[in-house]
């Protein structure tokens, strides 16, 4: 829920949440073993504070008892703020035109889909969502969502 304009003078935060851990169970395929994927996505920190000009890393870690192959894995990052939703990264690639400040730095083969934001500005505040999707023969078989809140603090 957005904060009132008067409360936004000192901090660009508009929602507070705690831990961001999500579990999902999805069937890999009806033609294969009935054992489901158990995918766990953890996004940390749940709340990150930064000053303009700093670098921020939003961690998104995922694991499964059976590691999916990279072609079967898609990561999407998007941000929500009082202006709405903005896609940042889709199919593991940055979608913002002329933007080299925001990119994925994690190693997907190790279950790391972390997002880096260089030279943070006030326009970067908001709730960041990491979405991990398992694909099986072009059919979405698992979809996991987690989030982190980025708050910018004003200099003293």
Protein backbone atom coordinates (compact mmCIF):
# COMPACT_ATOMS: atom_id res chain seq x y z
CA UNK A 1 0.00 0.00 0.00
CA UNK A 2 1.59 3.30 -0.99
CA UNK A 3 2.56 5.64 1.80
CA UNK A 4 1.07 9.10 1.94
CA UNK A 5 2.94 11.88 0.10
CA UNK A 6 3.97 13.50 3.40
CA UNK A 7 5.54 10.29 4.70
CA UNK A 8 7.49 9.83 1.44
CA UNK A 9 9.63 12.93 2.04
CA UNK A 10 12.15 11.05 4.15
CA UNK A 11 12.04 7.59 2.64
CA UNK A 12 11.01 6.13 -0.67
CA UNK A 13 9.40 3.00 0.77
CA UNK A 14 5.81 2.09 0.16
CA UNK A 15 5.39 -1.46 1.44
CA UNK A 16 6.96 -3.44 4.23
CA UNK A 17 7.15 -7.23 4.20
CA UNK A 18 9.27 -9.80 5.99
CA UNK A 19 10.84 -13.01 4.68
CA UNK A 20 10.42 -13.82 1.03
CA UNK A 21 10.48 -17.59 0.60
CA UNK A 22 8.15 -19.37 -1.78
CA UNK A 23 7.63 -23.10 -2.40
CA UNK A 24 5.93 -24.67 -5.38
CA UNK A 25 5.31 -28.19 -6.57
CA UNK A 26 4.82 -28.76 -10.29
CA UNK A 27 4.58 -31.89 -12.38
CA UNK A 28 7.44 -32.06 -14.96
CA UNK A 29 5.40 -33.97 -17.55
CA UNK A 30 2.50 -36.37 -17.71
CA UNK A 31 4.65 -38.73 -19.80
CA UNK A 32 7.49 -39.03 -17.28
CA UNK A 33 7.84 -40.23 -13.73
CA UNK A 34 5.09 -38.93 -11.42
CA UNK A 35 7.71 -37.53 -9.02
CA UNK A 36 7.12 -33.75 -8.96
CA UNK A 37 9.68 -30.98 -9.03
CA UNK A 38 10.03 -29.36 -5.64
CA UNK A 39 11.39 -25.93 -6.46
CA UNK A 40 12.36 -23.50 -3.71
CA UNK A 41 13.08 -19.84 -4.46
CA UNK A 42 14.53 -17.57 -1.80
CA UNK A 43 14.95 -13.86 -2.41
CA UNK A 44 17.04 -11.79 0.00
CA UNK A 45 17.13 -9.31 1.49
CA UNK A 46 13.41 -8.86 2.06
CA UNK A 47 14.15 -5.15 2.52
CA UNK A 48 17.26 -3.36 1.22
CA UNK A 49 18.19 0.25 1.97
CA UNK A 50 20.54 2.19 -0.30
CA UNK A 51 21.71 5.72 -1.01
CA UNK A 52 21.86 7.24 -4.48
CA UNK A 53 24.96 6.17 -6.37
CA UNK A 54 25.44 2.88 -4.50
CA UNK A 55 25.42 -0.60 -6.02
CA UNK A 56 22.72 -3.00 -4.84
CA UNK A 57 22.58 -6.78 -5.25
CA UNK A 58 19.19 -8.44 -4.83
CA UNK A 59 19.74 -12.16 -4.33
CA UNK A 60 17.44 -14.74 -5.86
CA UNK A 61 18.43 -18.33 -5.15
CA UNK A 62 16.54 -21.40 -6.29
CA UNK A 63 17.04 -25.11 -5.85
CA UNK A 64 15.42 -28.38 -6.67
CA UNK A 65 16.34 -31.99 -5.83
CA UNK A 66 16.77 -32.48 -9.58
CA UNK A 67 18.68 -29.55 -11.10
CA UNK A 68 16.87 -28.42 -14.27
CA UNK A 69 18.95 -27.95 -17.42
CA UNK A 70 19.60 -24.32 -18.38
CA UNK A 71 17.48 -24.45 -21.57
CA UNK A 72 14.53 -25.50 -19.37
CA UNK A 73 14.94 -22.52 -17.06
CA UNK A 74 13.71 -18.95 -17.45
CA UNK A 75 14.20 -16.06 -15.03
CA UNK A 76 12.19 -12.86 -15.04
CA UNK A 77 12.77 -9.84 -12.80
CA UNK A 78 10.26 -7.03 -12.58
CA UNK A 79 9.63 -4.05 -10.33
CA UNK A 80 6.46 -2.55 -8.89
CA UNK A 81 6.11 0.93 -7.45
CA UNK A 82 3.38 3.58 -7.22
CA UNK A 83 3.58 4.02 -11.03
CA UNK A 84 2.85 0.35 -11.75
CA UNK A 85 4.86 -2.63 -12.98
CA UNK A 86 8.02 -2.55 -15.11
CA UNK A 87 9.78 -5.58 -16.61
CA UNK A 88 13.54 -5.48 -16.06
CA UNK A 89 14.74 -8.88 -17.22
CA UNK A 90 12.98 -11.59 -19.19
CA UNK A 91 14.24 -14.97 -20.38
CA UNK A 92 17.47 -14.22 -18.50
CA UNK A 93 18.15 -11.03 -20.54
CA UNK A 94 17.77 -7.34 -19.62
CA UNK A 95 14.78 -5.85 -21.46
CA UNK A 96 15.32 -2.18 -20.64
CA UNK A 97 16.60 -0.28 -23.71
CA UNK A 98 19.94 1.52 -23.36
CA UNK A 99 20.40 0.24 -19.82
CA UNK A 100 23.67 -1.17 -18.57
CA UNK A 101 22.94 -0.41 -14.89
CA UNK A 102 20.59 -3.36 -14.25
CA UNK A 103 21.62 -6.92 -15.07
CA UNK A 104 21.58 -10.48 -13.77
CA UNK A 105 24.88 -11.49 -12.19
CA UNK A 106 24.08 -14.92 -10.82
CA UNK A 107 25.13 -18.31 -12.17
CA UNK A 108 21.91 -20.10 -13.14
CA UNK A 109 23.69 -23.46 -13.19
CA UNK A 110 24.34 -22.94 -9.46
CA UNK A 111 20.77 -21.80 -8.72
CA UNK A 112 21.69 -18.11 -8.51
CA UNK A 113 19.59 -15.53 -10.40
CA UNK A 114 20.75 -12.42 -8.50
CA UNK A 115 20.09 -8.94 -9.87
CA UNK A 116 22.62 -6.08 -9.76
CA UNK A 117 21.61 -2.41 -9.87
CA UNK A 118 24.55 -0.06 -10.42
CA UNK A 119 24.50 3.63 -9.48
CA UNK A 120 21.11 3.47 -7.74
CA UNK A 121 18.77 6.42 -8.33
CA UNK A 122 15.51 7.45 -6.67
CA UNK A 123 13.63 5.95 -9.63
CA UNK A 124 14.91 2.50 -8.59
CA UNK A 125 12.84 2.32 -5.39
CA UNK A 126 10.07 -0.27 -5.33
CA UNK A 127 9.32 -3.95 -4.86
CA UNK A 128 11.48 -6.28 -6.98
CA UNK A 129 10.13 -9.68 -7.98
CA UNK A 130 12.21 -12.65 -9.07
CA UNK A 131 10.24 -15.23 -11.05
CA UNK A 132 11.78 -18.61 -11.90
CA UNK A 133 10.00 -20.73 -14.49
CA UNK A 134 10.70 -24.34 -15.41
CA UNK A 135 9.86 -25.21 -18.99
CA UNK A 136 9.19 -28.69 -20.30
CA UNK A 137 8.81 -28.97 -24.06
CA UNK A 138 7.64 -25.35 -24.19
CA UNK A 139 4.99 -25.95 -21.51
CA UNK A 140 5.28 -24.02 -18.28
CA UNK A 141 5.49 -26.61 -15.54
CA UNK A 142 6.55 -24.56 -12.56
CA UNK A 143 6.35 -20.91 -11.68
CA UNK A 144 7.83 -19.40 -8.55
CA UNK A 145 7.64 -15.83 -7.36
CA UNK A 146 9.51 -14.04 -4.59
CA UNK A 147 10.32 -10.40 -3.87
CA UNK A 148 12.61 -7.82 -2.22
CA UNK A 149 11.84 -4.22 -1.33
CA UNK A 150 14.41 -1.54 -2.28
CA UNK A 151 14.20 1.68 -0.26
CA UNK A 152 16.30 4.75 -0.97
CA UNK A 153 17.35 6.82 1.99
CA UNK A 154 18.05 10.51 1.72
CA UNK A 155 21.49 11.77 2.73
CA UNK A 156 21.60 13.44 6.18
